[in-house]
């Protein structure tokens, strides 16, 4: 009798897991499409606009080079003090962002990238780091809307 129940539950488990949809994996082209926009403005206008937007979103610019068009920025880090006190484990979260601005023909192309960085370390010297790309369309749309507004203000 117990064997029947375990067989029954095994079959049910297989059926349930087969019905669960796997998470959608985005193709490189899909990722590029949410991370990239083109503007009909010069690189001299777009580059400072992207820097301004990063700063408006509370990022600190860690490096920027107008010649290469590359901007690197990071958010303030957040630490879990409860975990640190009770478990002796420090967990620090931070978001890093990059922007690449290039002139292609008559348009200036901007590609933004946001990555969530989680670092943990313990009193025993062990440490771990996990970088997770942020692929939320709303986040990129908000940033590009702000870039467009900044370009409009600089061009006016």
N, C-alpha and C. Protein backbone atom coordinates (compact mmCIF):
# COMPACT_ATOMS: atom_id res chain seq x y z
N UNK A 1 0.81 -1.19 0.00
CA UNK A 1 0.00 0.00 0.00
C UNK A 1 0.87 1.27 0.00
N UNK A 2 1.90 1.26 0.84
CA UNK A 2 2.79 2.42 0.89
C UNK A 2 3.50 2.60 -0.45
N UNK A 3 3.77 1.47 -1.09
CA UNK A 3 4.44 1.54 -2.39
C UNK A 3 3.55 2.23 -3.42
N UNK A 4 2.24 1.96 -3.37
CA UNK A 4 1.31 2.61 -4.30
C UNK A 4 1.29 4.12 -4.09
N UNK A 5 1.26 4.53 -2.82
CA UNK A 5 1.23 5.97 -2.54
C UNK A 5 2.51 6.65 -3.01
N UNK A 6 3.63 6.02 -2.77
CA UNK A 6 4.88 6.65 -3.21
C UNK A 6 4.95 6.70 -4.73
N UNK A 7 4.46 5.67 -5.41
CA UNK A 7 4.41 5.69 -6.86
C UNK A 7 3.47 6.79 -7.36
N UNK A 8 2.30 6.90 -6.71
CA UNK A 8 1.33 7.93 -7.07
C UNK A 8 1.92 9.32 -6.91
N UNK A 9 2.54 9.58 -5.75
CA UNK A 9 3.13 10.90 -5.51
C UNK A 9 4.31 11.17 -6.43
N UNK A 10 5.05 10.14 -6.79
CA UNK A 10 6.14 10.30 -7.75
C UNK A 10 5.63 10.73 -9.11
N UNK A 11 4.54 10.10 -9.56
CA UNK A 11 3.94 10.46 -10.85
C UNK A 11 3.40 11.88 -10.81
N UNK A 12 2.72 12.23 -9.72
CA UNK A 12 2.17 13.59 -9.58
C UNK A 12 3.30 14.62 -9.60
N UNK A 13 4.39 14.33 -8.91
CA UNK A 13 5.53 15.25 -8.88
C UNK A 13 6.11 15.45 -10.28
N UNK A 14 6.25 14.38 -11.03
CA UNK A 14 6.78 14.47 -12.39
C UNK A 14 5.83 15.30 -13.27
N UNK A 15 4.53 15.08 -13.13
CA UNK A 15 3.57 15.83 -13.93
C UNK A 15 3.57 17.31 -13.59
N UNK A 16 3.66 17.62 -12.31
CA UNK A 16 3.68 19.03 -11.90
C UNK A 16 4.94 19.72 -12.42
N UNK A 17 6.08 19.07 -12.27
CA UNK A 17 7.33 19.70 -12.73
C UNK A 17 7.37 19.82 -14.25
N UNK A 18 6.71 18.91 -14.96
CA UNK A 18 6.67 18.99 -16.42
C UNK A 18 5.79 20.14 -16.89
N UNK A 19 4.79 20.50 -16.09
CA UNK A 19 3.88 21.58 -16.45
C UNK A 19 4.47 22.96 -16.18
N UNK A 20 5.44 23.04 -15.28
CA UNK A 20 6.03 24.32 -14.95
C UNK A 20 6.84 24.82 -16.13
N UNK A 21 6.57 26.06 -16.53
CA UNK A 21 7.28 26.64 -17.67
C UNK A 21 8.68 27.06 -17.23
N UNK A 22 9.69 26.74 -18.02
CA UNK A 22 11.04 27.18 -17.67
C UNK A 22 11.13 28.69 -17.82
N UNK A 23 12.02 29.33 -17.04
CA UNK A 23 12.15 30.78 -17.17
C UNK A 23 12.60 31.15 -18.58
N UNK A 24 12.05 32.26 -19.08
CA UNK A 24 12.38 32.68 -20.44
C UNK A 24 13.81 33.21 -20.47
N UNK A 25 14.60 32.65 -21.33
CA UNK A 25 15.97 33.10 -21.53
C UNK A 25 15.97 34.03 -22.72
N UNK A 26 16.50 35.24 -22.51
CA UNK A 26 16.53 36.22 -23.59
C UNK A 26 17.73 35.96 -24.49
N UNK A 27 17.52 36.18 -25.78
CA UNK A 27 18.61 36.05 -26.73
C UNK A 27 19.47 37.31 -26.65
N UNK A 28 20.72 37.25 -27.11
CA UNK A 28 21.56 38.45 -27.12
C UNK A 28 20.91 39.62 -27.87
N UNK A 29 20.20 39.33 -28.94
CA UNK A 29 19.55 40.39 -29.72
C UNK A 29 18.41 41.03 -28.91
N UNK A 30 17.67 40.25 -28.14
CA UNK A 30 16.61 40.79 -27.30
C UNK A 30 17.19 41.66 -26.20
N UNK A 31 18.29 41.21 -25.61
CA UNK A 31 18.95 42.00 -24.56
C UNK A 31 19.45 43.31 -25.14
N UNK A 32 20.08 43.25 -26.30
CA UNK A 32 20.59 44.47 -26.94
C UNK A 32 19.45 45.43 -27.25
N UNK A 33 18.30 44.92 -27.65
CA UNK A 33 17.19 45.80 -28.01
C UNK A 33 16.64 46.56 -26.81
N UNK A 34 16.68 45.98 -25.61
CA UNK A 34 16.19 46.73 -24.45
C UNK A 34 17.26 47.65 -23.88
N UNK A 35 18.53 47.37 -24.18
CA UNK A 35 19.63 48.15 -23.63
C UNK A 35 20.12 49.27 -24.54
N UNK A 36 19.57 49.39 -25.76
CA UNK A 36 20.12 50.32 -26.74
C UNK A 36 19.06 51.26 -27.29
N UNK A 37 19.44 52.53 -27.45
CA UNK A 37 18.59 53.53 -28.11
C UNK A 37 19.47 54.41 -28.97
N UNK A 38 18.85 55.00 -30.00
CA UNK A 38 19.56 55.91 -30.89
C UNK A 38 18.92 57.29 -30.80
N UNK A 39 19.76 58.31 -30.87
CA UNK A 39 19.31 59.69 -30.76
C UNK A 39 19.89 60.51 -31.91
N UNK A 40 19.11 61.47 -32.38
CA UNK A 40 19.58 62.36 -33.44
C UNK A 40 20.20 63.60 -32.83
N UNK A 41 21.24 63.37 -32.06
CA UNK A 41 21.98 64.46 -31.42
C UNK A 41 23.45 64.07 -31.46
N UNK A 42 24.32 65.06 -31.27
CA UNK A 42 25.75 64.77 -31.34
C UNK A 42 26.22 64.05 -30.08
N UNK A 43 27.35 63.41 -30.21
CA UNK A 43 27.95 62.73 -29.06
C UNK A 43 28.29 63.73 -27.96
N UNK A 44 28.62 64.97 -28.37
CA UNK A 44 28.93 66.03 -27.39
C UNK A 44 27.73 66.39 -26.53
N UNK A 45 26.53 66.13 -26.99
CA UNK A 45 25.32 66.40 -26.22
C UNK A 45 24.88 65.13 -25.47
N UNK A 46 24.97 63.99 -26.13
CA UNK A 46 24.48 62.74 -25.54
C UNK A 46 25.36 62.27 -24.38
N UNK A 47 26.67 62.37 -24.52
CA UNK A 47 27.58 61.89 -23.48
C UNK A 47 27.32 62.55 -22.12
N UNK A 48 27.30 63.88 -22.02
CA UNK A 48 27.01 64.48 -20.71
C UNK A 48 25.57 64.22 -20.25
N UNK A 49 24.66 63.99 -21.19
CA UNK A 49 23.28 63.67 -20.82
C UNK A 49 23.22 62.34 -20.08
N UNK A 50 23.95 61.35 -20.57
CA UNK A 50 23.97 60.04 -19.92
C UNK A 50 24.63 60.15 -18.54
N UNK A 51 25.71 60.89 -18.45
CA UNK A 51 26.35 61.10 -17.13
C UNK A 51 25.36 61.75 -16.17
N UNK A 52 24.66 62.75 -16.63
CA UNK A 52 23.68 63.45 -15.80
C UNK A 52 22.58 62.51 -15.32
N UNK A 53 22.11 61.65 -16.20
CA UNK A 53 21.05 60.70 -15.83
C UNK A 53 21.56 59.71 -14.78
N UNK A 54 22.76 59.18 -14.96
CA UNK A 54 23.31 58.29 -13.94
C UNK A 54 23.34 58.99 -12.58
N UNK A 55 23.77 60.25 -12.58
CA UNK A 55 23.83 60.99 -11.32
C UNK A 55 22.42 61.24 -10.77
N UNK A 56 21.45 61.53 -11.64
CA UNK A 56 20.07 61.71 -11.19
C UNK A 56 19.50 60.44 -10.57
N UNK A 57 19.97 59.29 -11.05
CA UNK A 57 19.51 58.00 -10.53
C UNK A 57 20.33 57.56 -9.31
N UNK A 58 21.13 58.47 -8.75
CA UNK A 58 21.91 58.26 -7.53
C UNK A 58 23.12 57.34 -7.72
N UNK A 59 23.67 57.34 -8.92
CA UNK A 59 24.89 56.59 -9.17
C UNK A 59 26.08 57.53 -9.05
N UNK A 60 27.21 56.99 -8.61
CA UNK A 60 28.46 57.73 -8.57
C UNK A 60 29.26 57.32 -9.80
N UNK A 61 29.70 58.31 -10.56
CA UNK A 61 30.49 58.03 -11.76
C UNK A 61 31.89 57.61 -11.31
N UNK A 62 32.31 56.41 -11.70
CA UNK A 62 33.65 55.93 -11.33
C UNK A 62 34.67 56.19 -12.44
N UNK A 63 34.19 56.24 -13.68
CA UNK A 63 35.08 56.63 -14.78
C UNK A 63 34.22 57.06 -15.97
N UNK A 64 34.78 57.98 -16.75
CA UNK A 64 34.10 58.45 -17.96
C UNK A 64 35.15 58.94 -18.94
N UNK A 65 35.02 58.51 -20.18
CA UNK A 65 35.96 58.90 -21.22
C UNK A 65 35.17 59.23 -22.48
N UNK A 66 35.09 60.51 -22.79
CA UNK A 66 34.29 60.93 -23.95
C UNK A 66 34.86 60.41 -25.26
N UNK A 67 36.17 60.26 -25.32
CA UNK A 67 36.80 59.76 -26.56
C UNK A 67 36.33 58.35 -26.89
N UNK A 68 36.35 57.46 -25.91
CA UNK A 68 35.91 56.08 -26.14
C UNK A 68 34.40 55.95 -26.00
N UNK A 69 33.77 56.90 -25.32
CA UNK A 69 32.33 56.86 -25.12
C UNK A 69 31.90 55.98 -23.97
N UNK A 70 32.83 55.59 -23.10
CA UNK A 70 32.51 54.65 -22.04
C UNK A 70 32.35 55.35 -20.70
N UNK A 71 31.25 55.02 -20.00
CA UNK A 71 30.96 55.55 -18.67
C UNK A 71 30.74 54.38 -17.73
N UNK A 72 31.32 54.45 -16.56
CA UNK A 72 31.13 53.42 -15.54
C UNK A 72 30.62 54.11 -14.28
N UNK A 73 29.61 53.52 -13.64
CA UNK A 73 29.02 54.12 -12.45
C UNK A 73 28.56 53.03 -11.49
N UNK A 74 28.39 53.40 -10.23
CA UNK A 74 27.89 52.45 -9.24
C UNK A 74 27.01 53.15 -8.23
N UNK A 75 26.06 52.38 -7.69
CA UNK A 75 25.16 52.91 -6.67
C UNK A 75 25.84 52.81 -5.31
N UNK A 76 25.24 53.44 -4.32
CA UNK A 76 25.71 53.27 -2.96
C UNK A 76 25.47 51.82 -2.55
N UNK A 77 26.34 51.29 -1.72
CA UNK A 77 26.18 49.89 -1.30
C UNK A 77 25.28 49.83 -0.07
N UNK A 78 24.61 48.68 0.06
CA UNK A 78 23.73 48.45 1.20
C UNK A 78 24.18 47.18 1.90
N UNK A 79 24.26 47.22 3.22
CA UNK A 79 24.73 46.09 4.00
C UNK A 79 23.62 45.59 4.91
N UNK A 80 23.58 44.28 5.12
CA UNK A 80 22.59 43.67 6.00
C UNK A 80 23.19 43.55 7.39
N UNK A 81 22.92 44.54 8.26
CA UNK A 81 23.55 44.59 9.58
C UNK A 81 23.01 43.52 10.53
N UNK A 82 21.77 43.07 10.35
CA UNK A 82 21.21 42.02 11.21
C UNK A 82 21.96 40.72 10.97
N UNK A 83 22.18 40.39 9.71
CA UNK A 83 22.94 39.18 9.37
C UNK A 83 24.36 39.25 9.91
N UNK A 84 24.92 40.43 9.85
CA UNK A 84 26.29 40.63 10.33
C UNK A 84 26.36 40.40 11.84
N UNK A 85 25.39 40.94 12.57
CA UNK A 85 25.39 40.84 14.03
C UNK A 85 25.15 39.40 14.48
N UNK A 86 24.13 38.75 13.95
CA UNK A 86 23.73 37.43 14.44
C UNK A 86 24.54 36.28 13.86
N UNK A 87 24.92 36.37 12.61
CA UNK A 87 25.59 35.24 11.95
C UNK A 87 27.07 35.48 11.68
N UNK A 88 27.53 36.70 11.84
CA UNK A 88 28.92 37.00 11.53
C UNK A 88 29.21 36.99 10.04
N UNK A 89 28.16 37.18 9.24
CA UNK A 89 28.30 37.18 7.79
C UNK A 89 27.90 38.56 7.27
N UNK A 90 28.74 39.13 6.47
CA UNK A 90 28.45 40.43 5.89
C UNK A 90 27.93 40.22 4.47
N UNK A 91 26.79 40.84 4.16
CA UNK A 91 26.24 40.77 2.80
C UNK A 91 26.06 42.20 2.32
N UNK A 92 26.75 42.53 1.23
CA UNK A 92 26.71 43.87 0.67
C UNK A 92 26.13 43.80 -0.74
N UNK A 93 25.13 44.65 -1.00
CA UNK A 93 24.50 44.71 -2.33
C UNK A 93 24.76 46.06 -2.95
N UNK A 94 24.92 46.04 -4.26
CA UNK A 94 25.21 47.27 -5.00
C UNK A 94 24.83 47.05 -6.46
N UNK A 95 24.46 48.13 -7.13
CA UNK A 95 24.19 48.05 -8.56
C UNK A 95 25.29 48.81 -9.30
N UNK A 96 25.81 48.18 -10.32
CA UNK A 96 26.81 48.83 -11.17
C UNK A 96 26.19 49.07 -12.53
N UNK A 97 26.59 50.16 -13.16
CA UNK A 97 26.03 50.53 -14.46
C UNK A 97 27.15 50.97 -15.39
N UNK A 98 26.95 50.69 -16.67
CA UNK A 98 27.86 51.19 -17.69
C UNK A 98 27.04 51.79 -18.82
N UNK A 99 27.65 52.72 -19.49
CA UNK A 99 27.06 53.31 -20.68
C UNK A 99 28.11 53.38 -21.77
N UNK A 100 27.69 53.06 -22.99
CA UNK A 100 28.60 53.16 -24.13
C UNK A 100 27.91 54.03 -25.17
N UNK A 101 28.55 55.13 -25.54
CA UNK A 101 27.99 56.10 -26.48
C UNK A 101 28.90 56.14 -27.70
N UNK A 102 28.29 55.93 -28.88
CA UNK A 102 29.08 55.98 -30.11
C UNK A 102 28.28 56.65 -31.21
N UNK A 103 28.98 57.33 -32.07
CA UNK A 103 28.37 57.99 -33.22
C UNK A 103 28.41 57.02 -34.40
N UNK A 104 27.24 56.74 -34.97
CA UNK A 104 27.13 55.86 -36.13
C UNK A 104 26.33 56.61 -37.18
N UNK A 105 27.00 57.03 -38.23
CA UNK A 105 26.33 57.78 -39.28
C UNK A 105 25.78 59.09 -38.73
N UNK A 106 24.48 59.29 -38.88
CA UNK A 106 23.87 60.54 -38.43
C UNK A 106 23.22 60.42 -37.05
N UNK A 107 23.37 59.27 -36.39
CA UNK A 107 22.76 59.09 -35.07
C UNK A 107 23.83 58.76 -34.03
N UNK A 108 23.48 58.98 -32.78
CA UNK A 108 24.34 58.61 -31.67
C UNK A 108 23.65 57.48 -30.93
N UNK A 109 24.34 56.36 -30.81
CA UNK A 109 23.78 55.17 -30.18
C UNK A 109 24.25 55.09 -28.73
N UNK A 110 23.31 54.78 -27.84
CA UNK A 110 23.61 54.62 -26.42
C UNK A 110 23.22 53.21 -26.00
N UNK A 111 24.14 52.54 -25.33
CA UNK A 111 23.82 51.24 -24.75
C UNK A 111 24.13 51.30 -23.26
N UNK A 112 23.11 50.99 -22.47
CA UNK A 112 23.25 50.98 -21.02
C UNK A 112 23.22 49.54 -20.53
N UNK A 113 23.87 49.31 -19.41
CA UNK A 113 23.89 47.99 -18.81
C UNK A 113 23.88 48.14 -17.29
N UNK A 114 22.95 47.45 -16.63
CA UNK A 114 22.84 47.47 -15.17
C UNK A 114 23.07 46.06 -14.64
N UNK A 115 23.88 45.94 -13.59
CA UNK A 115 24.20 44.65 -12.99
C UNK A 115 24.08 44.77 -11.48
N UNK A 116 23.39 43.82 -10.87
CA UNK A 116 23.29 43.78 -9.40
C UNK A 116 24.45 42.93 -8.89
N UNK A 117 25.20 43.48 -7.93
CA UNK A 117 26.37 42.80 -7.37
C UNK A 117 26.08 42.52 -5.90
N UNK A 118 26.17 41.25 -5.51
CA UNK A 118 26.00 40.84 -4.12
C UNK A 118 27.28 40.17 -3.66
N UNK A 119 27.86 40.70 -2.58
CA UNK A 119 29.08 40.13 -2.02
C UNK A 119 28.80 39.70 -0.59
N UNK A 120 29.29 38.52 -0.23
CA UNK A 120 29.18 38.04 1.14
C UNK A 120 30.57 37.68 1.64
N UNK A 121 30.78 37.89 2.92
CA UNK A 121 32.02 37.48 3.55
C UNK A 121 31.72 37.14 5.00
N UNK A 122 32.52 36.23 5.54
CA UNK A 122 32.30 35.79 6.92
C UNK A 122 33.51 36.10 7.77
N UNK A 123 33.34 35.88 9.07
CA UNK A 123 34.44 36.10 10.00
C UNK A 123 35.60 35.15 9.76
N UNK A 124 35.35 34.08 9.02
CA UNK A 124 36.37 33.06 8.80
C UNK A 124 37.15 33.27 7.51
N UNK A 125 36.98 34.41 6.87
CA UNK A 125 37.75 34.73 5.68
C UNK A 125 37.15 34.25 4.37
N UNK A 126 36.00 33.60 4.44
CA UNK A 126 35.36 33.16 3.21
C UNK A 126 34.62 34.32 2.57
N UNK A 127 34.66 34.39 1.25
CA UNK A 127 33.92 35.43 0.56
C UNK A 127 33.34 34.87 -0.73
N UNK A 128 32.30 35.52 -1.21
CA UNK A 128 31.64 35.10 -2.43
C UNK A 128 31.06 36.35 -3.09
N UNK A 129 30.98 36.32 -4.40
CA UNK A 129 30.42 37.44 -5.16
C UNK A 129 29.53 36.89 -6.26
N UNK A 130 28.38 37.51 -6.40
CA UNK A 130 27.43 37.10 -7.43
C UNK A 130 26.98 38.33 -8.21
N UNK A 131 27.25 38.34 -9.51
CA UNK A 131 26.83 39.43 -10.39
C UNK A 131 25.64 38.95 -11.21
N UNK A 132 24.54 39.70 -11.17
CA UNK A 132 23.34 39.31 -11.89
C UNK A 132 22.92 40.44 -12.81
N UNK A 133 22.90 40.21 -14.12
CA UNK A 133 22.42 41.25 -15.04
C UNK A 133 20.97 41.60 -14.74
N UNK A 134 20.66 42.88 -14.77
CA UNK A 134 19.28 43.33 -14.58
C UNK A 134 18.68 43.54 -15.97
N UNK A 135 17.64 42.78 -16.27
CA UNK A 135 17.04 42.83 -17.61
C UNK A 135 15.58 43.24 -17.55
N UNK A 136 15.24 44.12 -16.62
CA UNK A 136 13.87 44.62 -16.49
C UNK A 136 13.66 45.76 -17.49
N UNK A 137 12.74 45.56 -18.40
CA UNK A 137 12.50 46.53 -19.47
C UNK A 137 12.15 47.91 -18.90
N UNK A 138 11.38 47.95 -17.81
CA UNK A 138 10.94 49.22 -17.22
C UNK A 138 12.13 50.06 -16.75
N UNK A 139 13.14 49.40 -16.18
CA UNK A 139 14.32 50.11 -15.70
C UNK A 139 15.03 50.82 -16.85
N UNK A 140 15.22 50.11 -17.95
CA UNK A 140 15.90 50.70 -19.11
C UNK A 140 15.03 51.78 -19.76
N UNK A 141 13.74 51.54 -19.84
CA UNK A 141 12.84 52.53 -20.43
C UNK A 141 12.88 53.83 -19.63
N UNK A 142 12.86 53.71 -18.29
CA UNK A 142 12.94 54.89 -17.43
C UNK A 142 14.25 55.64 -17.66
N UNK A 143 15.36 54.92 -17.72
CA UNK A 143 16.65 55.57 -17.94
C UNK A 143 16.70 56.26 -19.29
N UNK A 144 16.21 55.59 -20.34
CA UNK A 144 16.25 56.20 -21.68
C UNK A 144 15.29 57.38 -21.79
N UNK A 145 14.15 57.35 -21.10
CA UNK A 145 13.26 58.51 -21.07
C UNK A 145 13.98 59.71 -20.47
N UNK A 146 14.73 59.46 -19.40
CA UNK A 146 15.49 60.54 -18.75
C UNK A 146 16.62 61.05 -19.66
N UNK A 147 17.27 60.15 -20.36
CA UNK A 147 18.32 60.56 -21.30
C UNK A 147 17.72 61.44 -22.38
N UNK A 148 16.57 61.05 -22.91
CA UNK A 148 15.91 61.84 -23.94
C UNK A 148 15.57 63.24 -23.43
N UNK A 149 15.08 63.33 -22.20
CA UNK A 149 14.77 64.63 -21.60
C UNK A 149 16.03 65.48 -21.42
N UNK A 150 17.11 64.84 -20.97
CA UNK A 150 18.37 65.56 -20.78
C UNK A 150 18.92 66.05 -22.11
N UNK A 151 18.80 65.25 -23.16
CA UNK A 151 19.24 65.67 -24.49
C UNK A 151 18.40 66.86 -24.95
N UNK A 152 17.09 66.80 -24.73
CA UNK A 152 16.20 67.89 -25.12
C UNK A 152 16.61 69.18 -24.42
N UNK A 153 16.88 69.11 -23.12
CA UNK A 153 17.28 70.32 -22.37
C UNK A 153 18.60 70.88 -22.86
N UNK A 154 19.56 70.02 -23.19
CA UNK A 154 20.86 70.48 -23.67
C UNK A 154 20.80 71.00 -25.10
N UNK A 155 19.85 70.48 -25.89
CA UNK A 155 19.75 70.89 -27.29
C UNK A 155 18.93 72.16 -27.45
N UNK A 156 18.09 72.46 -26.49
CA UNK A 156 17.18 73.60 -26.60
C UNK A 156 17.87 74.88 -26.45
